[in-house]
Amino acid sequence: MGFKENLKDELSFKGIMVKELADKTNINKSTLDNYLRDKHSSPTVENAVKIAQALGVSVEFLVTGEEKNALSKENALVIHRINTYLQKLNRYDLESISILAKRLAER
């Protein structure tokens, strides 16, 4: 898959509309629509970085669908899903999750 498909999947996965992404990135909605519609329309490096940051993923993930240091595709998807959930938690809950993750990693 390429940028277009990965961007579509990520927007769907996160439940983000193109208009919302346009607001978060300061990229014109019609430009984003072109990235999603036209197979040969690629973002500038600057726009790719803005999009990746707004979605909480790497540019590499948007381009290739994979992370460079991912242990496996399954682990990358689980980590990605967990990260999405973590972004919705308050500081107290994040601290609790951090302690739990540390203990699990230490065993």
N, C-alpha and C. Protein backbone atom coordinates (compact mmCIF):
# COMPACT_ATOMS: atom_id res chain seq x y z
N MET A 1 0.85 -1.19 0.00
CA MET A 1 0.00 0.00 0.00
C MET A 1 0.89 1.24 0.00
N GLY A 2 0.33 2.33 -0.49
CA GLY A 2 1.07 3.57 -0.55
C GLY A 2 0.48 4.63 0.38
N PHE A 3 0.97 5.84 0.22
CA PHE A 3 0.55 6.94 1.08
C PHE A 3 -0.96 7.11 1.09
N LYS A 4 -1.56 7.12 -0.09
CA LYS A 4 -3.00 7.33 -0.21
C LYS A 4 -3.79 6.31 0.63
N GLU A 5 -3.47 5.03 0.44
CA GLU A 5 -4.19 3.98 1.15
C GLU A 5 -3.91 4.02 2.66
N ASN A 6 -2.66 4.26 3.02
CA ASN A 6 -2.31 4.31 4.44
C ASN A 6 -2.96 5.50 5.13
N LEU A 7 -3.05 6.63 4.44
CA LEU A 7 -3.72 7.80 5.01
C LEU A 7 -5.20 7.52 5.19
N LYS A 8 -5.83 6.92 4.19
CA LYS A 8 -7.25 6.56 4.30
C LYS A 8 -7.48 5.63 5.48
N ASP A 9 -6.64 4.60 5.61
CA ASP A 9 -6.78 3.64 6.70
C ASP A 9 -6.61 4.32 8.06
N GLU A 10 -5.63 5.20 8.15
CA GLU A 10 -5.35 5.87 9.42
C GLU A 10 -6.49 6.80 9.81
N LEU A 11 -7.03 7.54 8.86
CA LEU A 11 -8.16 8.41 9.14
C LEU A 11 -9.36 7.59 9.60
N SER A 12 -9.59 6.48 8.95
CA SER A 12 -10.70 5.60 9.32
C SER A 12 -10.47 5.00 10.70
N PHE A 13 -9.25 4.52 10.95
CA PHE A 13 -8.91 3.90 12.23
C PHE A 13 -9.11 4.87 13.39
N LYS A 14 -8.71 6.12 13.18
CA LYS A 14 -8.83 7.11 14.24
C LYS A 14 -10.17 7.83 14.26
N GLY A 15 -10.99 7.59 13.24
CA GLY A 15 -12.29 8.25 13.17
C GLY A 15 -12.19 9.75 12.94
N ILE A 16 -11.22 10.15 12.13
CA ILE A 16 -10.97 11.56 11.85
C ILE A 16 -11.47 11.89 10.45
N MET A 17 -12.20 12.97 10.33
CA MET A 17 -12.68 13.43 9.03
C MET A 17 -11.59 14.29 8.36
N VAL A 18 -11.65 14.39 7.05
CA VAL A 18 -10.65 15.16 6.31
C VAL A 18 -10.66 16.62 6.76
N LYS A 19 -11.82 17.17 7.00
CA LYS A 19 -11.93 18.57 7.46
C LYS A 19 -11.20 18.76 8.79
N GLU A 20 -11.35 17.79 9.68
CA GLU A 20 -10.67 17.86 10.98
C GLU A 20 -9.15 17.80 10.81
N LEU A 21 -8.69 16.93 9.91
CA LEU A 21 -7.26 16.84 9.63
C LEU A 21 -6.76 18.15 9.02
N ALA A 22 -7.56 18.74 8.15
CA ALA A 22 -7.19 20.03 7.54
C ALA A 22 -7.02 21.09 8.62
N ASP A 23 -7.93 21.11 9.59
CA ASP A 23 -7.85 22.08 10.69
C ASP A 23 -6.61 21.85 11.54
N LYS A 24 -6.30 20.58 11.82
CA LYS A 24 -5.15 20.25 12.68
C LYS A 24 -3.82 20.55 12.00
N THR A 25 -3.77 20.41 10.67
CA THR A 25 -2.50 20.53 9.95
C THR A 25 -2.30 21.88 9.27
N ASN A 26 -3.39 22.62 9.16
CA ASN A 26 -3.32 23.88 8.40
C ASN A 26 -3.05 23.62 6.92
N ILE A 27 -3.49 22.45 6.44
CA ILE A 27 -3.38 22.11 5.03
C ILE A 27 -4.78 22.21 4.45
N ASN A 28 -4.89 22.84 3.29
CA ASN A 28 -6.18 23.02 2.65
C ASN A 28 -6.88 21.68 2.46
N LYS A 29 -8.17 21.62 2.76
CA LYS A 29 -8.95 20.39 2.63
C LYS A 29 -8.88 19.83 1.21
N SER A 30 -8.93 20.69 0.21
CA SER A 30 -8.88 20.20 -1.18
C SER A 30 -7.53 19.54 -1.48
N THR A 31 -6.46 20.01 -0.86
CA THR A 31 -5.15 19.39 -1.02
C THR A 31 -5.17 17.99 -0.43
N LEU A 32 -5.74 17.86 0.77
CA LEU A 32 -5.85 16.55 1.41
C LEU A 32 -6.74 15.62 0.58
N ASP A 33 -7.82 16.17 0.06
CA ASP A 33 -8.70 15.37 -0.80
C ASP A 33 -7.95 14.83 -2.01
N ASN A 34 -7.05 15.65 -2.58
CA ASN A 34 -6.24 15.20 -3.72
C ASN A 34 -5.34 14.03 -3.32
N TYR A 35 -4.72 14.11 -2.12
CA TYR A 35 -3.86 13.02 -1.65
C TYR A 35 -4.67 11.73 -1.53
N LEU A 36 -5.93 11.85 -1.13
CA LEU A 36 -6.77 10.68 -0.90
C LEU A 36 -7.40 10.14 -2.17
N ARG A 37 -7.52 10.98 -3.16
CA ARG A 37 -8.23 10.61 -4.39
C ARG A 37 -7.27 10.20 -5.52
N ASP A 38 -6.20 10.96 -5.69
CA ASP A 38 -5.31 10.78 -6.84
C ASP A 38 -4.10 9.94 -6.46
N LYS A 39 -3.94 8.82 -7.13
CA LYS A 39 -2.83 7.91 -6.83
C LYS A 39 -1.47 8.57 -7.05
N HIS A 40 -1.40 9.53 -7.94
CA HIS A 40 -0.13 10.16 -8.28
C HIS A 40 0.11 11.48 -7.54
N SER A 41 -0.78 11.82 -6.63
CA SER A 41 -0.62 13.06 -5.86
C SER A 41 0.05 12.74 -4.54
N SER A 42 1.26 13.24 -4.38
CA SER A 42 2.03 13.01 -3.15
C SER A 42 2.24 14.32 -2.42
N PRO A 43 2.24 14.27 -1.10
CA PRO A 43 2.44 15.50 -0.34
C PRO A 43 3.90 15.94 -0.37
N THR A 44 4.09 17.21 -0.12
CA THR A 44 5.45 17.70 0.09
C THR A 44 5.95 17.08 1.40
N VAL A 45 7.24 17.11 1.61
CA VAL A 45 7.79 16.59 2.86
C VAL A 45 7.19 17.33 4.05
N GLU A 46 7.06 18.63 3.92
CA GLU A 46 6.49 19.45 4.99
C GLU A 46 5.07 19.01 5.31
N ASN A 47 4.25 18.81 4.29
CA ASN A 47 2.87 18.38 4.52
C ASN A 47 2.80 16.96 5.08
N ALA A 48 3.68 16.08 4.61
CA ALA A 48 3.70 14.71 5.13
C ALA A 48 4.02 14.71 6.62
N VAL A 49 4.95 15.56 7.02
CA VAL A 49 5.31 15.66 8.44
C VAL A 49 4.13 16.20 9.25
N LYS A 50 3.47 17.23 8.76
CA LYS A 50 2.31 17.79 9.45
C LYS A 50 1.21 16.74 9.62
N ILE A 51 0.95 15.98 8.56
CA ILE A 51 -0.09 14.96 8.60
C ILE A 51 0.28 13.87 9.61
N ALA A 52 1.51 13.41 9.54
CA ALA A 52 1.96 12.35 10.45
C ALA A 52 1.87 12.81 11.90
N GLN A 53 2.30 14.03 12.17
CA GLN A 53 2.24 14.55 13.54
C GLN A 53 0.80 14.67 14.03
N ALA A 54 -0.09 15.12 13.18
CA ALA A 54 -1.49 15.26 13.56
C ALA A 54 -2.14 13.91 13.84
N LEU A 55 -1.68 12.88 13.14
CA LEU A 55 -2.26 11.54 13.32
C LEU A 55 -1.51 10.71 14.36
N GLY A 56 -0.38 11.23 14.83
CA GLY A 56 0.39 10.51 15.85
C GLY A 56 1.11 9.28 15.30
N VAL A 57 1.54 9.36 14.05
CA VAL A 57 2.29 8.28 13.42
C VAL A 57 3.53 8.87 12.76
N SER A 58 4.40 8.00 12.27
CA SER A 58 5.59 8.49 11.56
C SER A 58 5.27 8.68 10.08
N VAL A 59 6.06 9.48 9.43
CA VAL A 59 5.93 9.64 7.98
C VAL A 59 6.19 8.29 7.32
N GLU A 60 7.15 7.57 7.85
CA GLU A 60 7.46 6.24 7.31
C GLU A 60 6.23 5.33 7.35
N PHE A 61 5.47 5.39 8.43
CA PHE A 61 4.26 4.58 8.54
C PHE A 61 3.26 4.97 7.46
N LEU A 62 3.10 6.27 7.21
CA LEU A 62 2.16 6.71 6.18
C LEU A 62 2.61 6.28 4.78
N VAL A 63 3.91 6.27 4.55
CA VAL A 63 4.41 5.93 3.22
C VAL A 63 4.45 4.42 2.99
N THR A 64 4.92 3.67 4.01
CA THR A 64 5.13 2.23 3.82
C THR A 64 4.10 1.35 4.52
N GLY A 65 3.41 1.91 5.53
CA GLY A 65 2.49 1.11 6.34
C GLY A 65 3.20 0.35 7.43
N GLU A 66 4.50 0.57 7.59
CA GLU A 66 5.30 -0.14 8.60
C GLU A 66 6.21 0.84 9.31
N GLU A 67 6.55 0.47 10.54
CA GLU A 67 7.53 1.23 11.30
C GLU A 67 8.89 0.55 11.15
N LYS A 68 9.95 1.30 11.13
CA LYS A 68 11.29 0.79 10.89
C LYS A 68 11.70 -0.27 11.91
N ASN A 69 11.42 -0.01 13.17
CA ASN A 69 11.89 -0.90 14.23
C ASN A 69 10.80 -1.79 14.79
N ALA A 70 9.72 -1.97 14.08
CA ALA A 70 8.62 -2.79 14.57
C ALA A 70 9.06 -4.25 14.64
N LEU A 71 8.69 -4.91 15.73
CA LEU A 71 9.03 -6.32 15.89
C LEU A 71 8.23 -7.18 14.92
N SER A 72 6.99 -6.86 14.76
CA SER A 72 6.14 -7.58 13.83
C SER A 72 4.97 -6.69 13.45
N LYS A 73 4.32 -7.03 12.37
CA LYS A 73 3.15 -6.26 11.92
C LYS A 73 2.07 -6.29 13.00
N GLU A 74 1.85 -7.47 13.62
CA GLU A 74 0.82 -7.58 14.66
C GLU A 74 1.15 -6.69 15.85
N ASN A 75 2.41 -6.71 16.29
CA ASN A 75 2.81 -5.87 17.43
C ASN A 75 2.68 -4.39 17.10
N ALA A 76 3.04 -4.02 15.89
CA ALA A 76 2.93 -2.62 15.48
C ALA A 76 1.48 -2.16 15.53
N LEU A 77 0.57 -3.01 15.08
CA LEU A 77 -0.84 -2.65 15.11
C LEU A 77 -1.37 -2.53 16.54
N VAL A 78 -0.96 -3.45 17.41
CA VAL A 78 -1.39 -3.40 18.81
C VAL A 78 -0.83 -2.15 19.49
N ILE A 79 0.43 -1.87 19.28
CA ILE A 79 1.05 -0.69 19.87
C ILE A 79 0.37 0.57 19.36
N HIS A 80 0.07 0.59 18.10
CA HIS A 80 -0.61 1.74 17.51
C HIS A 80 -1.99 1.93 18.15
N ARG A 81 -2.72 0.84 18.33
CA ARG A 81 -4.05 0.92 18.94
C ARG A 81 -3.95 1.39 20.39
N ILE A 82 -2.97 0.84 21.14
CA ILE A 82 -2.78 1.25 22.54
C ILE A 82 -2.46 2.74 22.61
N ASN A 83 -1.61 3.22 21.72
CA ASN A 83 -1.25 4.64 21.70
C ASN A 83 -2.48 5.51 21.49
N THR A 84 -3.39 5.07 20.64
CA THR A 84 -4.63 5.82 20.39
C THR A 84 -5.45 5.92 21.67
N TYR A 85 -5.54 4.81 22.40
CA TYR A 85 -6.29 4.82 23.66
C TYR A 85 -5.61 5.70 24.70
N LEU A 86 -4.28 5.63 24.77
CA LEU A 86 -3.54 6.39 25.77
C LEU A 86 -3.73 7.90 25.60
N GLN A 87 -3.88 8.34 24.37
CA GLN A 87 -4.05 9.77 24.11
C GLN A 87 -5.34 10.32 24.72
N LYS A 88 -6.26 9.44 25.07
CA LYS A 88 -7.54 9.86 25.62
C LYS A 88 -7.58 9.84 27.15
N LEU A 89 -6.49 9.37 27.79
CA LEU A 89 -6.47 9.23 29.24
C LEU A 89 -5.94 10.48 29.93
N ASN A 90 -6.34 10.64 31.19
CA ASN A 90 -5.82 11.76 31.98
C ASN A 90 -4.46 11.38 32.57
N ARG A 91 -3.81 12.33 33.18
CA ARG A 91 -2.45 12.13 33.70
C ARG A 91 -2.38 11.02 34.75
N TYR A 92 -3.36 10.96 35.64
CA TYR A 92 -3.37 9.94 36.70
C TYR A 92 -3.44 8.54 36.08
N ASP A 93 -4.33 8.37 35.13
CA ASP A 93 -4.47 7.07 34.47
C ASP A 93 -3.21 6.71 33.68
N LEU A 94 -2.60 7.69 33.04
CA LEU A 94 -1.37 7.44 32.30
C LEU A 94 -0.25 6.99 33.23
N GLU A 95 -0.18 7.60 34.40
CA GLU A 95 0.84 7.20 35.38
C GLU A 95 0.63 5.76 35.83
N SER A 96 -0.62 5.39 36.04
CA SER A 96 -0.94 4.00 36.43
C SER A 96 -0.55 3.02 35.32
N ILE A 97 -0.85 3.37 34.09
CA ILE A 97 -0.50 2.53 32.95
C ILE A 97 1.02 2.42 32.82
N SER A 98 1.71 3.50 33.08
CA SER A 98 3.17 3.51 33.00
C SER A 98 3.77 2.53 34.01
N ILE A 99 3.26 2.55 35.22
CA ILE A 99 3.74 1.63 36.26
C ILE A 99 3.47 0.18 35.86
N LEU A 100 2.27 -0.08 35.38
CA LEU A 100 1.91 -1.43 34.94
C LEU A 100 2.81 -1.90 33.81
N ALA A 101 3.03 -1.04 32.81
CA ALA A 101 3.88 -1.41 31.68
C ALA A 101 5.31 -1.70 32.13
N LYS A 102 5.81 -0.90 33.04
CA LYS A 102 7.17 -1.11 33.56
C LYS A 102 7.27 -2.46 34.25
N ARG A 103 6.30 -2.78 35.09
CA ARG A 103 6.32 -4.07 35.81
C ARG A 103 6.22 -5.25 34.84
N LEU A 104 5.39 -5.12 33.83
CA LEU A 104 5.26 -6.19 32.84
C LEU A 104 6.56 -6.38 32.07
N ALA A 105 7.23 -5.28 31.73
CA ALA A 105 8.49 -5.35 30.99
C ALA A 105 9.62 -5.95 31.81
N GLU A 106 9.54 -5.78 33.12
CA GLU A 106 10.59 -6.27 34.00
C GLU A 106 10.48 -7.76 34.31
N ARG A 107 9.36 -8.38 34.03
CA ARG A 107 9.23 -9.80 34.40
C ARG A 107 9.80 -10.74 33.39
